[in-house]
């Protein structure tokens, strides 16, 4: 089975539209799933949720989704410095006060985790676990510099075995690694990449009878449309700079 996995759209409608268009034009996949953080930082939270729902894409709750849904005091984000912390709070307050009741209810109904069993579940076969951050918390960052022992702990908590895979987002940086026969897949970010590449990113994972394969895809989109909308919405100009540079605030 070929699964397209999208994560961290962060209310960036032009980026999501470009990815969905690419999925229509590219080799077909069997299903599309999102790995959370549909909202935050850009001015289209309701529109992104409507597009995801309209496309029939199932998925899970990112930290931004669950905190907005519960009106939590902050987004559960990690900050590298006080400037980032202040900007994150501005984004969160803007989002939590502007999402519609329907969007908030949808975000609150997203599950924490989804498990895909490509061979149907009635026979022994591989499992693809979808989480946002880790199998324990959607706020915990699973970065590529985490040691294998950390991965082994998460694999054990998730109940995975050799031949399985676990996919997650949250860090906005795509990567993949095999640990003891379990494939780790960070999907990167559709709407707010942090790896220096401003293009929207997603991943196609093939899992089933053979080895797990991972294909990272990057798609051009109208970044300037998003930058203009950020400014017009009264959000910090730094968010537009972030999109233009693929992850640099200044």
C-alpha atoms as a PDB file:
ATOM      1  CA  UNK A   1       0.000   0.000   0.000  1.00  0.00           C
ATOM      2  CA  UNK A   2       1.128   3.506  -0.847  1.00  0.00           C
ATOM      3  CA  UNK A   3       0.221   6.147   1.711  1.00  0.00           C
ATOM      4  CA  UNK A   4       0.693   9.893   1.265  1.00  0.00           C
ATOM      5  CA  UNK A   5       1.374  11.530   4.619  1.00  0.00           C
ATOM      6  CA  UNK A   6       0.969  15.280   5.179  1.00  0.00           C
ATOM      7  CA  UNK A   7       1.906  17.083   8.370  1.00  0.00           C
ATOM      8  CA  UNK A   8       2.175  20.565   9.794  1.00  0.00           C
ATOM      9  CA  UNK A   9       0.094  22.474   7.253  1.00  0.00           C
ATOM     10  CA  UNK A  10      -0.185  25.308   9.787  1.00  0.00           C
ATOM     11  CA  UNK A  11      -3.055  27.153   8.123  1.00  0.00           C
ATOM     12  CA  UNK A  12      -1.068  27.657   4.897  1.00  0.00           C
ATOM     13  CA  UNK A  13      -3.785  27.149   2.311  1.00  0.00           C
ATOM     14  CA  UNK A  14      -1.674  27.791  -0.840  1.00  0.00           C
ATOM     15  CA  UNK A  15       0.847  25.155   0.277  1.00  0.00           C
ATOM     16  CA  UNK A  16      -1.896  22.617   0.986  1.00  0.00           C
ATOM     17  CA  UNK A  17      -3.585  23.305  -2.347  1.00  0.00           C
ATOM     18  CA  UNK A  18      -0.292  22.735  -4.168  1.00  0.00           C
ATOM     19  CA  UNK A  19       0.280  19.419  -2.399  1.00  0.00           C
ATOM     20  CA  UNK A  20      -3.252  18.212  -3.105  1.00  0.00           C
ATOM     21  CA  UNK A  21      -2.849  19.171  -6.766  1.00  0.00           C
ATOM     22  CA  UNK A  22       0.448  17.283  -6.913  1.00  0.00           C
ATOM     23  CA  UNK A  23      -1.232  14.206  -5.473  1.00  0.00           C
ATOM     24  CA  UNK A  24      -3.844  14.345  -8.235  1.00  0.00           C
ATOM     25  CA  UNK A  25      -1.171  14.647 -10.932  1.00  0.00           C
ATOM     26  CA  UNK A  26       1.336  12.146  -9.538  1.00  0.00           C
ATOM     27  CA  UNK A  27       1.264   8.355  -9.448  1.00  0.00           C
ATOM     28  CA  UNK A  28      -1.856   7.425  -7.463  1.00  0.00           C
ATOM     29  CA  UNK A  29      -1.655   6.540  -3.791  1.00  0.00           C
ATOM     30  CA  UNK A  30      -4.005   4.237  -1.933  1.00  0.00           C
ATOM     31  CA  UNK A  31      -4.834   6.719   0.821  1.00  0.00           C
ATOM     32  CA  UNK A  32      -3.880  10.132   2.206  1.00  0.00           C
ATOM     33  CA  UNK A  33      -3.522  10.927   5.910  1.00  0.00           C
ATOM     34  CA  UNK A  34      -2.568  14.058   7.821  1.00  0.00           C
ATOM     35  CA  UNK A  35      -0.389  13.987  10.919  1.00  0.00           C
ATOM     36  CA  UNK A  36      -1.673  17.101  12.638  1.00  0.00           C
ATOM     37  CA  UNK A  37      -0.970  20.776  13.193  1.00  0.00           C
ATOM     38  CA  UNK A  38      -3.507  21.924  10.648  1.00  0.00           C
ATOM     39  CA  UNK A  39      -3.675  25.408  12.180  1.00  0.00           C
ATOM     40  CA  UNK A  40      -1.384  28.154  13.495  1.00  0.00           C
ATOM     41  CA  UNK A  41       0.979  30.814  12.057  1.00  0.00           C
ATOM     42  CA  UNK A  42      -0.899  31.541   8.809  1.00  0.00           C
ATOM     43  CA  UNK A  43      -4.364  33.092   8.295  1.00  0.00           C
ATOM     44  CA  UNK A  44      -6.402  30.198   6.885  1.00  0.00           C
ATOM     45  CA  UNK A  45      -7.214  27.839   9.789  1.00  0.00           C
ATOM     46  CA  UNK A  46     -10.873  27.378   8.868  1.00  0.00           C
ATOM     47  CA  UNK A  47     -10.125  27.091   5.167  1.00  0.00           C
ATOM     48  CA  UNK A  48      -7.401  24.468   5.685  1.00  0.00           C
ATOM     49  CA  UNK A  49      -9.665  22.368   7.875  1.00  0.00           C
ATOM     50  CA  UNK A  50     -12.457  22.691   5.298  1.00  0.00           C
ATOM     51  CA  UNK A  51     -10.066  21.579   2.531  1.00  0.00           C
ATOM     52  CA  UNK A  52      -8.894  18.564   4.545  1.00  0.00           C
ATOM     53  CA  UNK A  53     -12.463  17.587   5.327  1.00  0.00           C
ATOM     54  CA  UNK A  54     -13.576  18.176   1.752  1.00  0.00           C
ATOM     55  CA  UNK A  55     -10.821  15.896   0.461  1.00  0.00           C
ATOM     56  CA  UNK A  56     -11.831  13.185   2.922  1.00  0.00           C
ATOM     57  CA  UNK A  57      -8.380  13.062   4.526  1.00  0.00           C
ATOM     58  CA  UNK A  58      -8.369  11.355   7.908  1.00  0.00           C
ATOM     59  CA  UNK A  59      -5.709  12.175  10.450  1.00  0.00           C
ATOM     60  CA  UNK A  60      -4.580  12.863  13.971  1.00  0.00           C
ATOM     61  CA  UNK A  61      -4.235  15.789  16.369  1.00  0.00           C
ATOM     62  CA  UNK A  62      -1.054  17.802  16.481  1.00  0.00           C
ATOM     63  CA  UNK A  63      -0.188  19.862  19.528  1.00  0.00           C
ATOM     64  CA  UNK A  64      -1.572  23.002  17.883  1.00  0.00           C
ATOM     65  CA  UNK A  65      -4.850  21.251  17.088  1.00  0.00           C
ATOM     66  CA  UNK A  66      -5.400  19.841  20.554  1.00  0.00           C
ATOM     67  CA  UNK A  67      -4.413  23.032  22.374  1.00  0.00           C
ATOM     68  CA  UNK A  68      -6.645  25.226  20.202  1.00  0.00           C
ATOM     69  CA  UNK A  69      -9.492  22.741  20.591  1.00  0.00           C
ATOM     70  CA  UNK A  70      -9.235  22.791  24.389  1.00  0.00           C
ATOM     71  CA  UNK A  71      -8.391  26.527  24.587  1.00  0.00           C
ATOM     72  CA  UNK A  72      -5.195  25.668  26.447  1.00  0.00           C
ATOM     73  CA  UNK A  73      -2.937  28.437  27.748  1.00  0.00           C
ATOM     74  CA  UNK A  74      -0.252  27.908  25.079  1.00  0.00           C
ATOM     75  CA  UNK A  75       0.410  25.812  21.987  1.00  0.00           C
ATOM     76  CA  UNK A  76       2.880  23.369  23.526  1.00  0.00           C
ATOM     77  CA  UNK A  77       5.614  24.590  21.183  1.00  0.00           C
ATOM     78  CA  UNK A  78       9.367  24.635  21.801  1.00  0.00           C
ATOM     79  CA  UNK A  79      11.237  27.933  21.594  1.00  0.00           C
ATOM     80  CA  UNK A  80      14.881  28.533  20.752  1.00  0.00           C
ATOM     81  CA  UNK A  81      14.937  32.094  22.105  1.00  0.00           C
ATOM     82  CA  UNK A  82      12.641  34.738  23.645  1.00  0.00           C
ATOM     83  CA  UNK A  83      11.820  36.231  20.230  1.00  0.00           C
ATOM     84  CA  UNK A  84      10.501  32.893  18.959  1.00  0.00           C
ATOM     85  CA  UNK A  85       8.540  32.451  22.178  1.00  0.00           C
ATOM     86  CA  UNK A  86       6.843  35.835  21.798  1.00  0.00           C
ATOM     87  CA  UNK A  87       6.021  35.212  18.129  1.00  0.00           C
ATOM     88  CA  UNK A  88       4.590  31.794  18.961  1.00  0.00           C
ATOM     89  CA  UNK A  89       2.316  33.342  21.583  1.00  0.00           C
ATOM     90  CA  UNK A  90       1.107  35.941  19.073  1.00  0.00           C
ATOM     91  CA  UNK A  91       0.291  33.197  16.571  1.00  0.00           C
ATOM     92  CA  UNK A  92      -1.510  31.107  19.157  1.00  0.00           C
ATOM     93  CA  UNK A  93      -3.633  33.966  20.463  1.00  0.00           C
ATOM     94  CA  UNK A  94      -4.567  34.991  16.901  1.00  0.00           C
ATOM     95  CA  UNK A  95      -5.560  31.439  16.005  1.00  0.00           C
ATOM     96  CA  UNK A  96      -7.467  30.514  19.150  1.00  0.00           C
ATOM     97  CA  UNK A  97      -9.630  33.648  18.900  1.00  0.00           C
ATOM     98  CA  UNK A  98     -10.435  33.295  15.196  1.00  0.00           C
ATOM     99  CA  UNK A  99     -11.168  29.635  14.503  1.00  0.00           C
ATOM    100  CA  UNK A 100     -14.841  28.927  13.990  1.00  0.00           C
ATOM    101  CA  UNK A 101     -16.782  26.723  16.422  1.00  0.00           C
ATOM    102  CA  UNK A 102     -16.994  24.071  13.683  1.00  0.00           C
ATOM    103  CA  UNK A 103     -13.218  24.089  13.214  1.00  0.00           C
ATOM    104  CA  UNK A 104     -12.612  23.900  16.958  1.00  0.00           C
ATOM    105  CA  UNK A 105     -14.997  20.950  17.256  1.00  0.00           C
ATOM    106  CA  UNK A 106     -13.302  19.153  14.360  1.00  0.00           C
ATOM    107  CA  UNK A 107      -9.852  19.648  15.872  1.00  0.00           C
ATOM    108  CA  UNK A 108     -11.108  18.376  19.203  1.00  0.00           C
ATOM    109  CA  UNK A 109     -12.393  15.197  17.587  1.00  0.00           C
ATOM    110  CA  UNK A 110      -9.074  14.192  16.023  1.00  0.00           C
ATOM    111  CA  UNK A 111      -7.514  11.045  17.532  1.00  0.00           C
ATOM    112  CA  UNK A 112      -4.048  10.984  19.068  1.00  0.00           C
ATOM    113  CA  UNK A 113      -2.834   8.059  16.942  1.00  0.00           C
ATOM    114  CA  UNK A 114      -3.849   5.994  13.931  1.00  0.00           C
ATOM    115  CA  UNK A 115      -2.548   2.543  13.003  1.00  0.00           C
ATOM    116  CA  UNK A 116      -2.622   1.351   9.396  1.00  0.00           C
ATOM    117  CA  UNK A 117      -2.530  -2.375   8.640  1.00  0.00           C
ATOM    118  CA  UNK A 118      -1.955  -2.627   4.885  1.00  0.00           C
ATOM    119  CA  UNK A 119      -2.550  -6.376   4.737  1.00  0.00           C
ATOM    120  CA  UNK A 120      -5.945  -5.991   6.373  1.00  0.00           C
ATOM    121  CA  UNK A 121      -5.318  -6.907   9.992  1.00  0.00           C
ATOM    122  CA  UNK A 122      -6.689 -10.446   9.661  1.00  0.00           C
ATOM    123  CA  UNK A 123      -3.214 -11.850   8.912  1.00  0.00           C
ATOM    124  CA  UNK A 124       0.201 -11.136  10.378  1.00  0.00           C
ATOM    125  CA  UNK A 125       1.767  -8.200   8.626  1.00  0.00           C
ATOM    126  CA  UNK A 126       3.390  -4.808   8.990  1.00  0.00           C
ATOM    127  CA  UNK A 127       1.946  -1.849  10.870  1.00  0.00           C
ATOM    128  CA  UNK A 128       2.339   1.833  10.098  1.00  0.00           C
ATOM    129  CA  UNK A 129       1.736   3.932  13.217  1.00  0.00           C
ATOM    130  CA  UNK A 130       0.883   7.607  12.727  1.00  0.00           C
ATOM    131  CA  UNK A 131       1.563  10.088  15.530  1.00  0.00           C
ATOM    132  CA  UNK A 132       2.328  13.791  15.556  1.00  0.00           C
ATOM    133  CA  UNK A 133       5.308  14.067  17.891  1.00  0.00           C
ATOM    134  CA  UNK A 134       5.946  10.702  19.526  1.00  0.00           C
ATOM    135  CA  UNK A 135       3.788   7.768  20.689  1.00  0.00           C
ATOM    136  CA  UNK A 136       3.714   9.379  24.160  1.00  0.00           C
ATOM    137  CA  UNK A 137       3.046  13.097  23.557  1.00  0.00           C
ATOM    138  CA  UNK A 138       2.174  15.299  20.593  1.00  0.00           C
ATOM    139  CA  UNK A 139       4.380  18.025  22.100  1.00  0.00           C
ATOM    140  CA  UNK A 140       7.591  15.956  22.250  1.00  0.00           C
ATOM    141  CA  UNK A 141      10.035  16.535  19.382  1.00  0.00           C
ATOM    142  CA  UNK A 142      11.521  13.473  17.657  1.00  0.00           C
ATOM    143  CA  UNK A 143      14.471  15.121  15.935  1.00  0.00           C
ATOM    144  CA  UNK A 144      16.954  13.308  13.723  1.00  0.00           C
ATOM    145  CA  UNK A 145      19.692  13.671  16.341  1.00  0.00           C
ATOM    146  CA  UNK A 146      17.798  11.621  18.909  1.00  0.00           C
ATOM    147  CA  UNK A 147      19.868   8.516  19.705  1.00  0.00           C
ATOM    148  CA  UNK A 148      18.780   5.012  18.776  1.00  0.00           C
ATOM    149  CA  UNK A 149      18.026   4.263  22.428  1.00  0.00           C
ATOM    150  CA  UNK A 150      15.369   6.987  22.396  1.00  0.00           C
ATOM    151  CA  UNK A 151      13.915   5.444  19.237  1.00  0.00           C
ATOM    152  CA  UNK A 152      13.933   1.984  20.838  1.00  0.00           C
ATOM    153  CA  UNK A 153      11.981   3.353  23.798  1.00  0.00           C
ATOM    154  CA  UNK A 154       9.368   4.915  21.504  1.00  0.00           C
ATOM    155  CA  UNK A 155       9.191   1.755  19.364  1.00  0.00           C
ATOM    156  CA  UNK A 156       8.549  -0.348  22.477  1.00  0.00           C
ATOM    157  CA  UNK A 157       5.870   2.035  23.765  1.00  0.00           C
ATOM    158  CA  UNK A 158       4.192   1.943  20.346  1.00  0.00           C
ATOM    159  CA  UNK A 159       4.271  -1.852  20.311  1.00  0.00           C
ATOM    160  CA  UNK A 160       6.113  -2.036  16.999  1.00  0.00           C
ATOM    161  CA  UNK A 161       8.224  -4.879  15.620  1.00  0.00           C
ATOM    162  CA  UNK A 162      10.727  -5.340  12.768  1.00  0.00           C
ATOM    163  CA  UNK A 163       9.017  -4.656   9.454  1.00  0.00           C
ATOM    164  CA  UNK A 164       6.775  -1.968  10.966  1.00  0.00           C
ATOM    165  CA  UNK A 165       7.105   1.795  10.569  1.00  0.00           C
ATOM    166  CA  UNK A 166       6.209   4.879  12.575  1.00  0.00           C
ATOM    167  CA  UNK A 167       5.582   8.262  10.945  1.00  0.00           C
ATOM    168  CA  UNK A 168       5.484  11.634  12.675  1.00  0.00           C
ATOM    169  CA  UNK A 169       5.941  15.356  12.035  1.00  0.00           C
ATOM    170  CA  UNK A 170       6.193  18.234  14.537  1.00  0.00           C
ATOM    171  CA  UNK A 171       9.837  19.164  13.805  1.00  0.00           C
ATOM    172  CA  UNK A 172       9.144  20.412  10.234  1.00  0.00           C
ATOM    173  CA  UNK A 173      12.335  18.686   9.034  1.00  0.00           C
ATOM    174  CA  UNK A 174      12.020  15.505   6.930  1.00  0.00           C
ATOM    175  CA  UNK A 175      14.223  12.496   7.628  1.00  0.00           C
ATOM    176  CA  UNK A 176      14.100   8.712   7.801  1.00  0.00           C
ATOM    177  CA  UNK A 177      16.114   6.012   9.566  1.00  0.00           C
ATOM    178  CA  UNK A 178      15.919   2.299  10.270  1.00  0.00           C
ATOM    179  CA  UNK A 179      16.280   1.233  13.900  1.00  0.00           C
ATOM    180  CA  UNK A 180      16.235  -2.494  14.581  1.00  0.00           C
ATOM    181  CA  UNK A 181      14.132  -3.124  11.479  1.00  0.00           C
ATOM    182  CA  UNK A 182      11.551  -0.420  12.252  1.00  0.00           C
ATOM    183  CA  UNK A 183      11.451   2.484   9.790  1.00  0.00           C
ATOM    184  CA  UNK A 184      11.256   5.947  11.355  1.00  0.00           C
ATOM    185  CA  UNK A 185       9.757   8.589   9.060  1.00  0.00           C
ATOM    186  CA  UNK A 186       9.538  12.297   9.758  1.00  0.00           C
ATOM    187  CA  UNK A 187       7.193  13.714   7.133  1.00  0.00           C
ATOM    188  CA  UNK A 188       8.508  17.275   7.225  1.00  0.00           C
ATOM    189  CA  UNK A 189       6.021  20.121   6.811  1.00  0.00           C
ATOM    190  CA  UNK A 190       3.508  21.114   4.171  1.00  0.00           C
ATOM    191  CA  UNK A 191       3.072  24.702   5.255  1.00  0.00           C
ATOM    192  CA  UNK A 192       6.033  25.751   7.388  1.00  0.00           C
ATOM    193  CA  UNK A 193       9.276  23.916   6.535  1.00  0.00           C
ATOM    194  CA  UNK A 194      12.305  24.507   8.771  1.00  0.00           C
ATOM    195  CA  UNK A 195      15.019  22.801   6.711  1.00  0.00           C
ATOM    196  CA  UNK A 196      15.955  25.797   4.561  1.00  0.00           C
ATOM    197  CA  UNK A 197      13.795  24.675   1.622  1.00  0.00           C
ATOM    198  CA  UNK A 198      10.670  26.856   1.319  1.00  0.00           C
ATOM    199  CA  UNK A 199       8.783  24.344  -0.830  1.00  0.00           C
ATOM    200  CA  UNK A 200       5.879  22.400   0.659  1.00  0.00           C
ATOM    201  CA  UNK A 201       6.884  18.913   1.744  1.00  0.00           C
ATOM    202  CA  UNK A 202       5.164  15.583   2.167  1.00  0.00           C
ATOM    203  CA  UNK A 203       6.066  11.907   2.006  1.00  0.00           C
ATOM    204  CA  UNK A 204       4.830   8.740   0.325  1.00  0.00           C
ATOM    205  CA  UNK A 205       5.388   5.557   2.340  1.00  0.00           C
ATOM    206  CA  UNK A 206       5.020   2.162   0.695  1.00  0.00           C
ATOM    207  CA  UNK A 207       4.487  -0.686   3.144  1.00  0.00           C
ATOM    208  CA  UNK A 208       3.052  -4.147   2.713  1.00  0.00           C
ATOM    209  CA  UNK A 209       4.511  -7.418   1.484  1.00  0.00           C
ATOM    210  CA  UNK A 210       7.991  -6.034   0.757  1.00  0.00           C
ATOM    211  CA  UNK A 211      10.461  -3.652   2.394  1.00  0.00           C
ATOM    212  CA  UNK A 212       9.232  -0.260   3.555  1.00  0.00           C
ATOM    213  CA  UNK A 213      10.147   2.506   1.108  1.00  0.00           C
ATOM    214  CA  UNK A 214      10.010   6.250   1.718  1.00  0.00           C
ATOM    215  CA  UNK A 215       9.765   8.966  -0.943  1.00  0.00           C
ATOM    216  CA  UNK A 216      10.076  12.596   0.096  1.00  0.00           C
ATOM    217  CA  UNK A 217       8.440  15.122  -2.207  1.00  0.00           C
ATOM    218  CA  UNK A 218       8.867  18.914  -2.377  1.00  0.00           C
ATOM    219  CA  UNK A 219       6.376  21.103  -4.224  1.00  0.00           C
ATOM    220  CA  UNK A 220       6.590  24.738  -5.290  1.00  0.00           C
ATOM    221  CA  UNK A 221       3.660  26.908  -4.247  1.00  0.00           C
ATOM    222  CA  UNK A 222       2.704  30.580  -4.239  1.00  0.00           C
ATOM    223  CA  UNK A 223       4.696  31.658  -1.190  1.00  0.00           C
ATOM    224  CA  UNK A 224       4.063  35.344  -1.882  1.00  0.00           C
ATOM    225  CA  UNK A 225       0.311  34.800  -1.694  1.00  0.00           C
ATOM    226  CA  UNK A 226       0.813  33.423   1.798  1.00  0.00           C
ATOM    227  CA  UNK A 227       3.170  36.253   2.749  1.00  0.00           C
ATOM    228  CA  UNK A 228       0.657  38.887   1.636  1.00  0.00           C
ATOM    229  CA  UNK A 229      -2.177  37.211   3.509  1.00  0.00           C
ATOM    230  CA  UNK A 230      -0.092  37.012   6.687  1.00  0.00           C
ATOM    231  CA  UNK A 231       0.550  40.756   6.514  1.00  0.00           C
ATOM    232  CA  UNK A 232      -3.073  41.582   5.697  1.00  0.00           C
ATOM    233  CA  UNK A 233      -4.260  39.501   8.661  1.00  0.00           C
ATOM    234  CA  UNK A 234      -2.095  41.502  11.047  1.00  0.00           C
ATOM    235  CA  UNK A 235       0.186  38.571  11.838  1.00  0.00           C
ATOM    236  CA  UNK A 236       3.924  39.259  12.352  1.00  0.00           C
ATOM    237  CA  UNK A 237       5.922  39.963   9.187  1.00  0.00           C
ATOM    238  CA  UNK A 238       8.479  37.473  10.516  1.00  0.00           C
ATOM    239  CA  UNK A 239       6.061  34.666   9.646  1.00  0.00           C
ATOM    240  CA  UNK A 240       6.258  35.644   5.986  1.00  0.00           C
ATOM    241  CA  UNK A 241      10.046  35.783   6.132  1.00  0.00           C
ATOM    242  CA  UNK A 242      10.003  32.331   7.684  1.00  0.00           C
ATOM    243  CA  UNK A 243       8.065  30.948   4.708  1.00  0.00           C
ATOM    244  CA  UNK A 244      10.298  32.652   2.148  1.00  0.00           C
ATOM    245  CA  UNK A 245      13.490  31.304   3.728  1.00  0.00           C
ATOM    246  CA  UNK A 246      12.307  27.830   4.665  1.00  0.00           C
ATOM    247  CA  UNK A 247      12.618  28.355   8.369  1.00  0.00           C
ATOM    248  CA  UNK A 248      14.578  31.451   9.305  1.00  0.00           C
ATOM    249  CA  UNK A 249      12.843  34.112  11.416  1.00  0.00           C
ATOM    250  CA  UNK A 250      15.227  36.896  10.423  1.00  0.00           C
END
